[in-house]
N, C-alpha and C. Protein backbone atom coordinates (compact mmCIF):
# COMPACT_ATOMS: atom_id res chain seq x y z
N MET A 1 120.38 260.66 189.48
CA MET A 1 119.21 261.22 188.82
C MET A 1 118.64 262.33 189.69
N CYS A 2 118.25 263.41 189.05
CA CYS A 2 117.62 264.53 189.74
C CYS A 2 116.13 264.48 189.48
N LEU A 3 115.39 264.94 190.46
CA LEU A 3 113.94 264.91 190.35
C LEU A 3 113.39 266.26 190.77
N ALA A 4 112.55 266.86 189.95
CA ALA A 4 111.87 268.10 190.28
C ALA A 4 110.44 267.75 190.68
N VAL A 5 109.93 268.42 191.70
CA VAL A 5 108.65 268.06 192.29
C VAL A 5 107.68 269.24 192.24
N PRO A 6 106.42 269.01 191.81
CA PRO A 6 105.43 270.07 191.86
C PRO A 6 105.03 270.36 193.31
N ALA A 7 104.87 271.63 193.63
CA ALA A 7 104.44 272.04 194.96
C ALA A 7 103.60 273.31 194.84
N LYS A 8 102.71 273.50 195.80
CA LYS A 8 101.83 274.66 195.80
C LYS A 8 102.39 275.70 196.76
N ILE A 9 102.57 276.92 196.29
CA ILE A 9 103.12 277.99 197.13
C ILE A 9 102.10 278.37 198.21
N THR A 10 102.56 278.34 199.45
CA THR A 10 101.69 278.67 200.58
C THR A 10 102.04 279.99 201.23
N ARG A 11 103.27 280.47 201.01
CA ARG A 11 103.70 281.73 201.63
C ARG A 11 104.83 282.32 200.80
N ILE A 12 104.82 283.64 200.66
CA ILE A 12 105.90 284.36 200.00
C ILE A 12 106.27 285.54 200.88
N ASP A 13 107.57 285.71 201.16
CA ASP A 13 107.98 286.90 201.90
C ASP A 13 108.61 287.90 200.92
N GLY A 14 109.02 289.02 201.39
CA GLY A 14 109.52 290.06 200.52
C GLY A 14 110.90 289.85 199.95
N SER A 15 111.59 288.81 200.37
CA SER A 15 112.98 288.61 199.93
C SER A 15 113.14 287.51 198.88
N GLY A 16 112.05 287.08 198.26
CA GLY A 16 112.14 286.03 197.26
C GLY A 16 112.16 284.63 197.84
N GLN A 17 111.85 284.53 199.11
CA GLN A 17 111.77 283.22 199.77
C GLN A 17 110.31 282.93 200.08
N GLY A 18 110.01 281.68 200.35
CA GLY A 18 108.65 281.32 200.70
C GLY A 18 108.57 279.89 201.16
N SER A 19 107.34 279.39 201.21
CA SER A 19 107.07 278.01 201.57
C SER A 19 106.15 277.41 200.53
N ALA A 20 106.26 276.10 200.37
CA ALA A 20 105.39 275.39 199.44
C ALA A 20 105.03 274.04 200.04
N SER A 21 103.90 273.52 199.62
CA SER A 21 103.38 272.26 200.15
C SER A 21 103.28 271.23 199.04
N TYR A 22 103.73 270.01 199.35
CA TYR A 22 103.54 268.90 198.42
C TYR A 22 103.58 267.58 199.17
N LEU A 23 102.72 266.67 198.78
CA LEU A 23 102.65 265.33 199.35
C LEU A 23 102.66 265.35 200.87
N GLY A 24 101.99 266.33 201.46
CA GLY A 24 101.88 266.40 202.91
C GLY A 24 103.04 267.07 203.62
N SER A 25 103.99 267.58 202.90
CA SER A 25 105.15 268.25 203.50
C SER A 25 105.15 269.73 203.17
N GLU A 26 105.64 270.53 204.11
CA GLU A 26 105.83 271.95 203.89
C GLU A 26 107.33 272.19 203.80
N VAL A 27 107.78 272.83 202.73
CA VAL A 27 109.21 273.05 202.53
C VAL A 27 109.49 274.52 202.25
N LYS A 28 110.70 274.95 202.60
CA LYS A 28 111.14 276.28 202.24
C LYS A 28 111.54 276.25 200.77
N VAL A 29 111.28 277.36 200.08
CA VAL A 29 111.60 277.42 198.66
C VAL A 29 112.10 278.82 198.29
N ASN A 30 113.09 278.84 197.42
CA ASN A 30 113.61 280.10 196.89
C ASN A 30 112.84 280.39 195.61
N LEU A 31 112.25 281.58 195.53
CA LEU A 31 111.38 281.93 194.41
C LEU A 31 111.98 282.95 193.45
N VAL A 32 113.26 283.24 193.57
CA VAL A 32 113.86 284.30 192.75
C VAL A 32 113.84 283.98 191.25
N LEU A 33 113.80 282.72 190.87
CA LEU A 33 113.78 282.35 189.45
C LEU A 33 112.39 282.44 188.82
N VAL A 34 111.36 282.60 189.66
CA VAL A 34 109.98 282.71 189.16
C VAL A 34 109.30 283.93 189.80
N PRO A 35 109.76 285.13 189.46
CA PRO A 35 109.21 286.33 190.11
C PRO A 35 107.72 286.53 189.86
N GLN A 36 107.17 285.89 188.84
CA GLN A 36 105.75 286.00 188.54
C GLN A 36 104.89 285.12 189.44
N ALA A 37 105.48 284.21 190.18
CA ALA A 37 104.73 283.26 191.01
C ALA A 37 104.03 283.98 192.15
N ARG A 38 102.84 283.52 192.46
CA ARG A 38 102.02 284.08 193.54
C ARG A 38 101.56 282.97 194.47
N ARG A 39 101.15 283.36 195.67
CA ARG A 39 100.62 282.40 196.63
C ARG A 39 99.46 281.64 195.96
N GLY A 40 99.47 280.31 196.09
CA GLY A 40 98.44 279.47 195.48
C GLY A 40 98.86 278.88 194.14
N ASP A 41 99.92 279.43 193.53
CA ASP A 41 100.42 278.87 192.28
C ASP A 41 101.15 277.56 192.52
N TRP A 42 101.17 276.72 191.50
CA TRP A 42 101.96 275.49 191.51
C TRP A 42 103.28 275.76 190.82
N VAL A 43 104.36 275.27 191.41
CA VAL A 43 105.68 275.45 190.84
C VAL A 43 106.42 274.11 190.85
N ILE A 44 107.42 274.01 189.99
CA ILE A 44 108.32 272.87 190.01
C ILE A 44 109.50 273.26 190.88
N ILE A 45 109.81 272.43 191.88
CA ILE A 45 110.91 272.71 192.79
C ILE A 45 112.03 271.71 192.55
N HIS A 46 113.24 272.25 192.42
CA HIS A 46 114.44 271.42 192.29
C HIS A 46 115.52 272.03 193.16
N ALA A 47 116.08 271.23 194.05
CA ALA A 47 117.18 271.66 194.93
C ALA A 47 116.84 272.92 195.70
N GLY A 48 115.57 273.04 196.12
CA GLY A 48 115.16 274.18 196.94
C GLY A 48 114.76 275.42 196.17
N PHE A 49 114.85 275.37 194.84
CA PHE A 49 114.49 276.51 194.00
C PHE A 49 113.25 276.19 193.18
N ALA A 50 112.30 277.11 193.14
CA ALA A 50 111.20 277.00 192.20
C ALA A 50 111.77 277.37 190.84
N ILE A 51 111.66 276.47 189.87
CA ILE A 51 112.28 276.72 188.57
C ILE A 51 111.27 277.03 187.47
N SER A 52 109.99 276.75 187.71
CA SER A 52 108.96 277.14 186.75
C SER A 52 107.59 277.05 187.41
N VAL A 53 106.66 277.79 186.84
CA VAL A 53 105.27 277.76 187.28
C VAL A 53 104.53 276.80 186.36
N MET A 54 103.63 276.01 186.94
CA MET A 54 102.85 275.08 186.12
C MET A 54 101.38 275.19 186.49
N ASN A 55 100.51 274.67 185.63
CA ASN A 55 99.09 274.76 185.96
C ASN A 55 98.69 273.64 186.92
N ALA A 56 97.60 273.84 187.60
CA ALA A 56 97.16 272.93 188.65
C ALA A 56 96.87 271.52 188.12
N LYS A 57 96.31 271.43 186.93
CA LYS A 57 95.99 270.11 186.36
C LYS A 57 97.26 269.30 186.14
N GLU A 58 98.29 269.92 185.57
CA GLU A 58 99.57 269.23 185.35
C GLU A 58 100.20 268.82 186.69
N ALA A 59 100.12 269.69 187.67
CA ALA A 59 100.70 269.39 188.98
C ALA A 59 100.02 268.18 189.62
N ARG A 60 98.70 268.18 189.61
CA ARG A 60 97.97 267.05 190.21
C ARG A 60 98.27 265.75 189.49
N GLU A 61 98.33 265.78 188.17
CA GLU A 61 98.63 264.57 187.40
C GLU A 61 100.04 264.07 187.69
N THR A 62 101.00 264.97 187.78
CA THR A 62 102.38 264.58 188.09
C THR A 62 102.46 263.96 189.47
N LEU A 63 101.81 264.56 190.47
CA LEU A 63 101.83 263.99 191.82
C LEU A 63 101.14 262.64 191.86
N ARG A 64 100.07 262.48 191.09
CA ARG A 64 99.38 261.17 191.03
C ARG A 64 100.33 260.12 190.47
N LEU A 65 101.08 260.46 189.44
CA LEU A 65 102.03 259.53 188.86
C LEU A 65 103.16 259.18 189.84
N PHE A 66 103.64 260.18 190.60
CA PHE A 66 104.66 259.91 191.63
C PHE A 66 104.13 258.89 192.64
N LYS A 67 102.88 259.09 193.08
CA LYS A 67 102.29 258.17 194.06
C LYS A 67 102.15 256.76 193.47
N GLU A 68 101.76 256.70 192.20
CA GLU A 68 101.62 255.41 191.52
C GLU A 68 102.97 254.70 191.42
N LEU A 69 104.00 255.44 191.08
CA LEU A 69 105.36 254.85 191.00
C LEU A 69 105.83 254.36 192.37
N ALA A 70 105.55 255.13 193.41
CA ALA A 70 105.95 254.73 194.75
C ALA A 70 105.24 253.45 195.17
N ALA A 71 103.95 253.35 194.87
CA ALA A 71 103.19 252.14 195.21
C ALA A 71 103.73 250.94 194.44
N ALA A 72 104.03 251.11 193.17
CA ALA A 72 104.57 250.01 192.37
C ALA A 72 105.92 249.57 192.90
N SER A 73 106.72 250.52 193.32
CA SER A 73 108.04 250.21 193.87
C SER A 73 107.92 249.41 195.16
N GLN A 74 106.96 249.78 196.00
CA GLN A 74 106.73 249.04 197.24
C GLN A 74 106.25 247.63 196.97
N ASP A 75 105.41 247.48 195.97
CA ASP A 75 104.88 246.15 195.59
C ASP A 75 106.01 245.24 195.12
N GLU A 76 106.99 245.79 194.41
CA GLU A 76 108.12 245.00 193.93
C GLU A 76 109.00 244.54 195.08
N GLY A 77 109.09 245.36 196.14
CA GLY A 77 109.93 245.02 197.27
C GLY A 77 109.29 244.06 198.25
N ALA A 78 107.99 243.82 198.11
CA ALA A 78 107.26 242.96 199.06
C ALA A 78 107.49 241.49 198.80
């Protein structure tokens, strides 16, 4: 199963590369598929590529659900 993760763009350089932050991690991201993306935008990242821009409300809700799933998974393993 593949999972795409919302992240907030924190840096963009001139070559279509940048950095994004999510769940406390800073990751490198390739932005060539979303040329309209700007610093501060939320994007969906899959395999190191930003594949779409999303609004902040959707991003926060998705991350909240990821955290909820992780907590439920830990509870099942206890």
